[in-house]
Amino acid sequence: MNPNTFELLVNERFGQCWNILIEKGEEYATNDDQLHNFREVAKLRHTTMSDACLGMGMKHIISVIDIVRAISIGNALMTKAVIDKKIGDAINYLLLLEGCITEEMKEKGFWK
């Protein structure tokens, strides 16, 4: 892939990720807390926010692994739309995980 094509791919992907994060943030966030669901799951599971987020996000990583496996065996049913959604979901969960980790590091006084 040439650099221009890759740059277009990256710009398109981050634009899609941004739109989904904003849309889903309005759906899942409460009290101006973008990490509300992870905070609540952490309380229910007696764990950390980042652990809750990682667990919830693993389904998206598994979906990406399934895509790679499907392609390797020649599964022609894998559509661009499915790949776009699954890659975007995985990226967004990594961004949400970074948010959880950042909050926890600040709460524990590791970061100012």
N, C-alpha and C. Protein backbone atom coordinates (compact mmCIF):
# COMPACT_ATOMS: atom_id res chain seq x y z
N MET A 1 0.86 -1.17 0.00
CA MET A 1 0.00 0.00 0.00
C MET A 1 0.90 1.22 0.00
N ASN A 2 0.61 2.13 -0.91
CA ASN A 2 1.46 3.33 -0.98
C ASN A 2 1.08 4.30 0.14
N PRO A 3 1.99 5.24 0.47
CA PRO A 3 1.76 6.15 1.59
C PRO A 3 0.48 6.98 1.48
N ASN A 4 0.13 7.42 0.28
CA ASN A 4 -1.09 8.22 0.13
C ASN A 4 -2.34 7.41 0.42
N THR A 5 -2.37 6.19 -0.07
CA THR A 5 -3.51 5.31 0.18
C THR A 5 -3.62 5.00 1.67
N PHE A 6 -2.48 4.75 2.31
CA PHE A 6 -2.48 4.46 3.74
C PHE A 6 -2.96 5.66 4.54
N GLU A 7 -2.51 6.85 4.16
CA GLU A 7 -2.94 8.06 4.85
C GLU A 7 -4.45 8.24 4.73
N LEU A 8 -5.00 7.97 3.56
CA LEU A 8 -6.45 8.05 3.38
C LEU A 8 -7.17 7.04 4.27
N LEU A 9 -6.63 5.82 4.34
CA LEU A 9 -7.22 4.78 5.17
C LEU A 9 -7.24 5.22 6.63
N VAL A 10 -6.11 5.74 7.11
CA VAL A 10 -6.01 6.16 8.51
C VAL A 10 -6.96 7.32 8.79
N ASN A 11 -7.00 8.30 7.92
CA ASN A 11 -7.90 9.44 8.12
C ASN A 11 -9.36 9.02 8.14
N GLU A 12 -9.71 8.13 7.23
CA GLU A 12 -11.09 7.63 7.18
C GLU A 12 -11.42 6.85 8.45
N ARG A 13 -10.50 5.99 8.87
CA ARG A 13 -10.74 5.17 10.07
C ARG A 13 -10.92 6.04 11.30
N PHE A 14 -10.02 7.02 11.50
CA PHE A 14 -10.14 7.85 12.69
C PHE A 14 -11.39 8.72 12.65
N GLY A 15 -11.79 9.14 11.47
CA GLY A 15 -13.05 9.88 11.35
C GLY A 15 -14.24 9.02 11.75
N GLN A 16 -14.25 7.77 11.29
CA GLN A 16 -15.32 6.84 11.66
C GLN A 16 -15.30 6.56 13.16
N CYS A 17 -14.12 6.34 13.70
CA CYS A 17 -14.00 6.07 15.14
C CYS A 17 -14.51 7.25 15.95
N TRP A 18 -14.13 8.44 15.56
CA TRP A 18 -14.57 9.65 16.25
C TRP A 18 -16.10 9.73 16.26
N ASN A 19 -16.70 9.53 15.10
CA ASN A 19 -18.16 9.61 15.00
C ASN A 19 -18.85 8.59 15.89
N ILE A 20 -18.34 7.37 15.91
CA ILE A 20 -18.93 6.32 16.75
C ILE A 20 -18.75 6.65 18.22
N LEU A 21 -17.56 7.10 18.61
CA LEU A 21 -17.33 7.44 20.02
C LEU A 21 -18.28 8.55 20.49
N ILE A 22 -18.52 9.54 19.65
CA ILE A 22 -19.43 10.62 20.02
C ILE A 22 -20.87 10.10 20.11
N GLU A 23 -21.27 9.33 19.11
CA GLU A 23 -22.63 8.79 19.07
C GLU A 23 -22.88 7.85 20.26
N LYS A 24 -21.98 6.92 20.49
CA LYS A 24 -22.14 5.97 21.58
C LYS A 24 -21.95 6.64 22.94
N GLY A 25 -21.10 7.66 23.00
CA GLY A 25 -20.90 8.40 24.23
C GLY A 25 -22.19 9.02 24.72
N GLU A 26 -22.96 9.54 23.78
CA GLU A 26 -24.26 10.13 24.14
C GLU A 26 -25.23 9.06 24.63
N GLU A 27 -25.08 7.86 24.10
CA GLU A 27 -25.96 6.75 24.46
C GLU A 27 -25.59 6.12 25.79
N TYR A 28 -24.30 5.95 26.06
CA TYR A 28 -23.85 5.20 27.23
C TYR A 28 -23.38 6.06 28.40
N ALA A 29 -22.91 7.24 28.14
CA ALA A 29 -22.37 8.09 29.21
C ALA A 29 -23.53 8.72 30.00
N THR A 30 -23.31 8.89 31.29
CA THR A 30 -24.28 9.60 32.12
C THR A 30 -23.52 10.56 33.01
N ASN A 31 -24.20 11.57 33.44
CA ASN A 31 -23.59 12.55 34.35
C ASN A 31 -22.25 13.05 33.81
N ASP A 32 -22.18 13.26 32.55
CA ASP A 32 -20.95 13.75 31.91
C ASP A 32 -19.75 12.83 32.17
N ASP A 33 -20.00 11.54 32.31
CA ASP A 33 -18.93 10.57 32.53
C ASP A 33 -18.88 9.61 31.35
N GLN A 34 -17.90 9.79 30.50
CA GLN A 34 -17.74 8.94 29.32
C GLN A 34 -17.44 7.49 29.68
N LEU A 35 -16.98 7.27 30.90
CA LEU A 35 -16.57 5.93 31.32
C LEU A 35 -17.57 5.30 32.30
N HIS A 36 -18.77 5.84 32.34
CA HIS A 36 -19.80 5.41 33.29
C HIS A 36 -20.00 3.90 33.29
N ASN A 37 -20.20 3.30 32.12
CA ASN A 37 -20.49 1.86 32.08
C ASN A 37 -19.35 1.03 32.65
N PHE A 38 -18.13 1.42 32.37
CA PHE A 38 -16.98 0.68 32.87
C PHE A 38 -16.85 0.84 34.38
N ARG A 39 -17.15 2.04 34.86
CA ARG A 39 -17.11 2.30 36.30
C ARG A 39 -18.14 1.42 37.03
N GLU A 40 -19.34 1.34 36.44
CA GLU A 40 -20.41 0.55 37.06
C GLU A 40 -20.13 -0.95 36.99
N VAL A 41 -19.62 -1.43 35.85
CA VAL A 41 -19.26 -2.85 35.74
C VAL A 41 -18.16 -3.18 36.74
N ALA A 42 -17.21 -2.28 36.90
CA ALA A 42 -16.12 -2.51 37.86
C ALA A 42 -16.68 -2.67 39.28
N LYS A 43 -17.64 -1.83 39.64
CA LYS A 43 -18.25 -1.95 40.98
C LYS A 43 -18.96 -3.29 41.13
N LEU A 44 -19.74 -3.66 40.13
CA LEU A 44 -20.49 -4.92 40.20
C LEU A 44 -19.59 -6.14 40.24
N ARG A 45 -18.46 -6.06 39.54
CA ARG A 45 -17.54 -7.20 39.44
C ARG A 45 -16.40 -7.13 40.46
N HIS A 46 -16.39 -6.08 41.28
CA HIS A 46 -15.34 -5.89 42.28
C HIS A 46 -13.95 -5.92 41.64
N THR A 47 -13.81 -5.10 40.62
CA THR A 47 -12.55 -5.03 39.90
C THR A 47 -12.28 -3.57 39.54
N THR A 48 -11.32 -3.35 38.68
CA THR A 48 -10.99 -1.99 38.26
C THR A 48 -11.75 -1.64 36.98
N MET A 49 -11.85 -0.35 36.74
CA MET A 49 -12.47 0.10 35.49
C MET A 49 -11.73 -0.43 34.27
N SER A 50 -10.41 -0.38 34.33
CA SER A 50 -9.63 -0.83 33.18
C SER A 50 -9.81 -2.34 32.96
N ASP A 51 -9.92 -3.11 34.02
CA ASP A 51 -10.17 -4.55 33.88
C ASP A 51 -11.55 -4.79 33.27
N ALA A 52 -12.54 -4.04 33.73
CA ALA A 52 -13.89 -4.17 33.17
C ALA A 52 -13.89 -3.81 31.68
N CYS A 53 -13.24 -2.73 31.33
CA CYS A 53 -13.17 -2.30 29.94
C CYS A 53 -12.44 -3.33 29.09
N LEU A 54 -11.34 -3.83 29.58
CA LEU A 54 -10.57 -4.84 28.85
C LEU A 54 -11.43 -6.08 28.60
N GLY A 55 -12.14 -6.51 29.62
CA GLY A 55 -13.00 -7.68 29.47
C GLY A 55 -14.10 -7.46 28.45
N MET A 56 -14.73 -6.30 28.53
CA MET A 56 -15.81 -5.99 27.59
C MET A 56 -15.27 -5.81 26.17
N GLY A 57 -14.06 -5.31 26.06
CA GLY A 57 -13.47 -5.06 24.75
C GLY A 57 -12.90 -6.30 24.08
N MET A 58 -12.67 -7.35 24.87
CA MET A 58 -12.08 -8.56 24.29
C MET A 58 -12.95 -9.17 23.20
N LYS A 59 -14.26 -8.98 23.29
CA LYS A 59 -15.13 -9.53 22.24
C LYS A 59 -14.80 -8.90 20.89
N HIS A 60 -14.38 -7.64 20.92
CA HIS A 60 -14.04 -6.95 19.67
C HIS A 60 -12.69 -7.43 19.14
N ILE A 61 -11.76 -7.70 20.04
CA ILE A 61 -10.46 -8.24 19.62
C ILE A 61 -10.66 -9.64 19.03
N ILE A 62 -11.51 -10.44 19.66
CA ILE A 62 -11.81 -11.78 19.14
C ILE A 62 -12.43 -11.68 17.75
N SER A 63 -13.29 -10.71 17.53
CA SER A 63 -13.89 -10.52 16.21
C SER A 63 -12.83 -10.21 15.16
N VAL A 64 -11.84 -9.40 15.53
CA VAL A 64 -10.75 -9.09 14.60
C VAL A 64 -9.92 -10.36 14.32
N ILE A 65 -9.67 -11.13 15.36
CA ILE A 65 -8.95 -12.40 15.17
C ILE A 65 -9.73 -13.31 14.22
N ASP A 66 -11.04 -13.36 14.40
CA ASP A 66 -11.87 -14.18 13.51
C ASP A 66 -11.79 -13.71 12.06
N ILE A 67 -11.71 -12.40 11.85
CA ILE A 67 -11.55 -11.86 10.50
C ILE A 67 -10.25 -12.35 9.88
N VAL A 68 -9.17 -12.23 10.64
CA VAL A 68 -7.85 -12.65 10.14
C VAL A 68 -7.88 -14.14 9.80
N ARG A 69 -8.48 -14.93 10.67
CA ARG A 69 -8.57 -16.38 10.41
C ARG A 69 -9.44 -16.67 9.18
N ALA A 70 -10.55 -15.96 9.05
CA ALA A 70 -11.43 -16.17 7.91
C ALA A 70 -10.72 -15.86 6.59
N ILE A 71 -9.98 -14.78 6.59
CA ILE A 71 -9.24 -14.40 5.38
C ILE A 71 -8.19 -15.46 5.06
N SER A 72 -7.53 -15.97 6.08
CA SER A 72 -6.45 -16.95 5.85
C SER A 72 -6.97 -18.25 5.24
N ILE A 73 -8.24 -18.58 5.49
CA ILE A 73 -8.80 -19.80 4.89
C ILE A 73 -9.62 -19.49 3.63
N GLY A 74 -9.57 -18.23 3.20
CA GLY A 74 -10.22 -17.86 1.95
C GLY A 74 -11.71 -17.61 2.05
N ASN A 75 -12.18 -17.18 3.18
CA ASN A 75 -13.59 -16.88 3.35
C ASN A 75 -13.94 -15.61 2.59
N ALA A 76 -14.62 -15.78 1.46
CA ALA A 76 -14.97 -14.65 0.61
C ALA A 76 -16.20 -13.91 1.13
N LEU A 77 -16.81 -14.38 2.21
CA LEU A 77 -18.01 -13.74 2.73
C LEU A 77 -17.69 -12.54 3.61
N MET A 78 -16.43 -12.35 3.93
CA MET A 78 -16.03 -11.24 4.79
C MET A 78 -16.16 -9.95 3.98
N THR A 79 -17.06 -9.07 4.40
CA THR A 79 -17.29 -7.83 3.65
C THR A 79 -16.49 -6.68 4.23
N LYS A 80 -16.30 -5.66 3.42
CA LYS A 80 -15.61 -4.46 3.89
C LYS A 80 -16.38 -3.82 5.04
N ALA A 81 -17.70 -3.85 4.98
CA ALA A 81 -18.52 -3.26 6.04
C ALA A 81 -18.29 -3.96 7.37
N VAL A 82 -18.19 -5.28 7.35
CA VAL A 82 -17.95 -6.03 8.59
C VAL A 82 -16.56 -5.72 9.12
N ILE A 83 -15.57 -5.71 8.23
CA ILE A 83 -14.20 -5.41 8.64
C ILE A 83 -14.12 -4.00 9.20
N ASP A 84 -14.74 -3.02 8.54
CA ASP A 84 -14.75 -1.64 9.03
C ASP A 84 -15.31 -1.56 10.45
N LYS A 85 -16.44 -2.22 10.67
CA LYS A 85 -17.09 -2.16 11.98
C LYS A 85 -16.22 -2.81 13.05
N LYS A 86 -15.70 -3.98 12.78
CA LYS A 86 -14.94 -4.72 13.79
C LYS A 86 -13.61 -4.05 14.11
N ILE A 87 -12.91 -3.56 13.11
CA ILE A 87 -11.65 -2.83 13.36
C ILE A 87 -11.95 -1.55 14.14
N GLY A 88 -12.98 -0.83 13.74
CA GLY A 88 -13.36 0.40 14.44
C GLY A 88 -13.72 0.15 15.89
N ASP A 89 -14.49 -0.91 16.14
CA ASP A 89 -14.86 -1.26 17.52
C ASP A 89 -13.63 -1.55 18.36
N ALA A 90 -12.68 -2.30 17.80
CA ALA A 90 -11.46 -2.64 18.54
C ALA A 90 -10.66 -1.38 18.86
N ILE A 91 -10.51 -0.50 17.89
CA ILE A 91 -9.78 0.76 18.11
C ILE A 91 -10.47 1.58 19.20
N ASN A 92 -11.78 1.68 19.11
CA ASN A 92 -12.51 2.49 20.09
C ASN A 92 -12.38 1.92 21.50
N TYR A 93 -12.41 0.60 21.62
CA TYR A 93 -12.24 0.02 22.96
C TYR A 93 -10.84 0.26 23.50
N LEU A 94 -9.84 0.27 22.63
CA LEU A 94 -8.49 0.59 23.10
C LEU A 94 -8.42 2.05 23.57
N LEU A 95 -9.12 2.93 22.88
CA LEU A 95 -9.16 4.33 23.32
C LEU A 95 -9.90 4.47 24.65
N LEU A 96 -11.00 3.75 24.79
CA LEU A 96 -11.72 3.77 26.06
C LEU A 96 -10.87 3.17 27.18
N LEU A 97 -10.13 2.11 26.86
CA LEU A 97 -9.23 1.52 27.85
C LEU A 97 -8.16 2.52 28.28
N GLU A 98 -7.65 3.28 27.33
CA GLU A 98 -6.67 4.32 27.70
C GLU A 98 -7.30 5.33 28.65
N GLY A 99 -8.56 5.69 28.40
CA GLY A 99 -9.26 6.60 29.31
C GLY A 99 -9.39 6.01 30.70
N CYS A 100 -9.74 4.73 30.79
CA CYS A 100 -9.87 4.07 32.09
C CYS A 100 -8.53 4.02 32.81
N ILE A 101 -7.48 3.64 32.10
CA ILE A 101 -6.14 3.56 32.69
C ILE A 101 -5.70 4.94 33.18
N THR A 102 -5.93 5.96 32.37
CA THR A 102 -5.54 7.33 32.74
C THR A 102 -6.25 7.76 34.01
N GLU A 103 -7.57 7.51 34.09
CA GLU A 103 -8.33 7.87 35.30
C GLU A 103 -7.78 7.15 36.53
N GLU A 104 -7.53 5.86 36.39
CA GLU A 104 -7.05 5.09 37.53
C GLU A 104 -5.66 5.52 37.97
N MET A 105 -4.81 5.82 37.02
CA MET A 105 -3.46 6.29 37.37
C MET A 105 -3.53 7.63 38.11
N LYS A 106 -4.42 8.51 37.66
CA LYS A 106 -4.59 9.80 38.34
C LYS A 106 -5.18 9.61 39.73
N GLU A 107 -6.20 8.74 39.83
CA GLU A 107 -6.85 8.49 41.12
C GLU A 107 -5.87 7.92 42.15
N LYS A 108 -4.93 7.12 41.69
CA LYS A 108 -3.93 6.52 42.58
C LYS A 108 -2.73 7.43 42.83
N GLY A 109 -2.75 8.60 42.21
CA GLY A 109 -1.68 9.58 42.44
C GLY A 109 -0.42 9.31 41.64
N PHE A 110 -0.46 8.41 40.67
CA PHE A 110 0.72 8.13 39.86
C PHE A 110 0.97 9.24 38.85
N TRP A 111 -0.12 9.85 38.38
CA TRP A 111 -0.02 10.96 37.44
C TRP A 111 -0.70 12.16 38.02
N LYS A 112 -0.18 13.32 37.68
CA LYS A 112 -0.80 14.57 38.19
C LYS A 112 -1.69 15.16 37.14
